Amino acid sequence: MYTINFWPVLVAAVVSFGIGALWYSPILFGKEWMTLTKMSDSDMEAAKARGMWRSYVVHFIATLISFLVLAFISTTIGIANAGDGAYIAFLLWLGFVLPINVSEYLWKKAPIKLVIIDTVNVLVSLLIGGAIIGAWR
């Protein structure tokens, strides 16, 4: 039986949210992301008024699930340090996230810049989350 420590999973999910907040802020890629998604400031305000916090809650739960799966895989294969945790996270990103996001570009005709912004955000979050989970054993 494999035992997963929930604390590094929770910390990884919170850190991932912090990365996303910075990533999609005006400091980094927020303005470009809004332009590429054709979202205006008024659209954003309307989303907040409709209860955008619900989307954050659902996204946080999805993030927890992702890091729980990463923790399970890391425990199963015996990851015992931050470097190996980041490495397995990279492999999972390469094998699953990247191909799925490439299809966004190919089939939904999403702008390549948008796909890159979103895909690299997931990569950074997974690498850091994998390192946290790998180190906290």
Protein backbone atom coordinates (compact mmCIF):
# COMPACT_ATOMS: atom_id res chain seq x y z
CA MET A 1 0.00 0.00 0.00
CA TYR A 2 1.30 3.43 -0.92
CA THR A 3 0.91 6.31 1.48
CA ILE A 4 0.70 9.79 0.04
CA ASN A 5 1.60 12.75 2.22
CA PHE A 6 -1.15 15.29 1.58
CA TRP A 7 0.84 18.31 2.84
CA PRO A 8 3.26 18.58 -0.09
CA VAL A 9 0.30 18.08 -2.45
CA LEU A 10 -1.54 20.97 -0.80
CA VAL A 11 1.57 23.17 -0.80
CA ALA A 12 2.25 22.35 -4.46
CA ALA A 13 -1.34 23.30 -5.37
CA VAL A 14 -1.14 26.59 -3.47
CA VAL A 15 2.24 27.39 -5.05
CA SER A 16 0.79 26.53 -8.46
CA PHE A 17 -2.00 29.04 -7.86
CA GLY A 18 0.59 31.65 -6.91
CA ILE A 19 2.51 30.93 -10.10
CA GLY A 20 -0.69 31.28 -12.11
CA ALA A 21 -1.59 34.54 -10.40
CA LEU A 22 1.82 35.97 -11.31
CA TRP A 23 1.88 34.37 -14.78
CA TYR A 24 -1.47 35.81 -15.81
CA SER A 25 -0.94 39.17 -14.11
CA PRO A 26 -0.06 42.35 -15.99
CA ILE A 27 3.51 41.88 -14.74
CA LEU A 28 4.06 38.87 -17.00
CA PHE A 29 1.55 37.61 -19.59
CA GLY A 30 -1.86 38.85 -18.41
CA LYS A 31 -2.26 41.62 -20.95
CA GLU A 32 -1.11 39.41 -23.82
CA TRP A 33 -3.38 36.58 -22.64
CA MET A 34 -6.38 38.93 -22.51
CA THR A 35 -5.63 40.18 -26.02
CA LEU A 36 -5.22 36.64 -27.40
CA THR A 37 -8.45 35.45 -25.77
CA LYS A 38 -10.23 38.62 -26.89
CA MET A 39 -11.16 39.40 -23.30
CA SER A 40 -11.58 43.01 -22.25
CA ASP A 41 -11.34 44.61 -18.82
CA SER A 42 -15.14 44.89 -18.80
CA ASP A 43 -15.43 41.16 -19.60
CA MET A 44 -13.20 40.44 -16.63
CA GLU A 45 -15.27 42.67 -14.34
CA ALA A 46 -18.46 40.96 -15.54
CA ALA A 47 -16.95 37.54 -14.79
CA LYS A 48 -16.03 38.70 -11.29
CA ALA A 49 -19.57 39.98 -10.75
CA ARG A 50 -21.01 36.61 -11.87
CA GLY A 51 -18.97 34.78 -9.25
CA MET A 52 -15.63 33.96 -10.83
CA TRP A 53 -14.55 32.60 -7.43
CA ARG A 54 -16.45 29.38 -8.29
CA SER A 55 -14.13 28.84 -11.23
CA TYR A 56 -11.16 29.31 -8.92
CA VAL A 57 -12.53 26.70 -6.51
CA VAL A 58 -13.10 24.16 -9.28
CA HIS A 59 -9.67 24.89 -10.75
CA PHE A 60 -8.05 24.47 -7.32
CA ILE A 61 -9.74 21.08 -6.89
CA ALA A 62 -8.53 20.03 -10.35
CA THR A 63 -5.01 21.20 -9.41
CA LEU A 64 -5.15 19.15 -6.20
CA ILE A 65 -6.16 16.09 -8.22
CA SER A 66 -3.26 16.62 -10.62
CA PHE A 67 -0.76 16.87 -7.79
CA LEU A 68 -2.31 13.89 -5.99
CA VAL A 69 -1.73 11.82 -9.13
CA LEU A 70 1.82 13.17 -9.38
CA ALA A 71 2.39 12.28 -5.71
CA PHE A 72 1.00 8.78 -6.28
CA ILE A 73 3.27 8.21 -9.27
CA SER A 74 6.24 9.66 -7.39
CA THR A 75 5.58 7.40 -4.40
CA THR A 76 5.02 4.36 -6.59
CA ILE A 77 8.31 4.72 -8.46
CA GLY A 78 10.27 5.81 -5.39
CA ILE A 79 11.03 9.47 -6.09
CA ALA A 80 13.02 10.73 -3.12
CA ASN A 81 14.35 14.17 -4.02
CA ALA A 82 13.38 17.45 -5.66
CA GLY A 83 15.33 16.85 -8.87
CA ASP A 84 13.71 13.50 -9.54
CA GLY A 85 10.30 14.96 -8.67
CA ALA A 86 10.78 17.75 -11.19
CA TYR A 87 12.06 15.25 -13.77
CA ILE A 88 9.00 12.98 -13.53
CA ALA A 89 6.77 16.09 -13.65
CA PHE A 90 8.56 17.14 -16.85
CA LEU A 91 8.03 13.72 -18.40
CA LEU A 92 4.32 13.82 -17.54
CA TRP A 93 4.06 17.32 -19.02
CA LEU A 94 5.90 16.18 -22.16
CA GLY A 95 3.80 13.08 -22.61
CA PHE A 96 0.35 14.43 -21.70
CA VAL A 97 0.05 18.20 -21.37
CA LEU A 98 2.10 19.24 -24.39
CA PRO A 99 0.33 16.93 -26.88
CA ILE A 100 -3.10 17.98 -25.61
CA ASN A 101 -2.21 21.66 -25.86
CA VAL A 102 -0.77 21.19 -29.34
CA SER A 103 -4.19 19.94 -30.39
CA GLU A 104 -5.63 23.26 -29.16
CA TYR A 105 -3.44 24.95 -31.74
CA LEU A 106 -4.08 22.46 -34.52
CA TRP A 107 -7.82 21.79 -34.20
CA LYS A 108 -9.25 24.78 -32.37
CA LYS A 109 -6.97 27.21 -34.18
CA ALA A 110 -5.91 28.86 -30.93
CA PRO A 111 -3.13 31.41 -31.47
CA ILE A 112 0.30 29.82 -31.00
CA LYS A 113 1.26 32.54 -28.50
CA LEU A 114 -1.75 31.63 -26.36
CA VAL A 115 -0.88 27.94 -26.49
CA ILE A 116 2.71 28.71 -25.49
CA ILE A 117 1.65 30.98 -22.61
CA ASP A 118 -0.74 28.36 -21.23
CA THR A 119 1.49 25.34 -21.85
CA VAL A 120 4.62 26.83 -20.32
CA ASN A 121 2.60 27.95 -17.28
CA VAL A 122 1.60 24.32 -16.71
CA LEU A 123 5.23 23.22 -17.21
CA VAL A 124 6.54 25.68 -14.61
CA SER A 125 3.81 24.73 -12.13
CA LEU A 126 4.43 21.00 -12.61
CA LEU A 127 8.20 21.34 -12.31
CA ILE A 128 7.97 23.27 -9.07
CA GLY A 129 5.14 21.09 -7.73
CA GLY A 130 7.07 17.96 -8.64
CA ALA A 131 10.13 19.31 -6.86
CA ILE A 132 8.06 20.08 -3.74
CA ILE A 133 6.48 16.62 -3.73
CA GLY A 134 9.79 14.90 -4.46
CA ALA A 135 11.68 16.77 -1.77
CA TRP A 136 9.03 16.30 0.92
CA ARG A 137 9.47 12.60 1.57
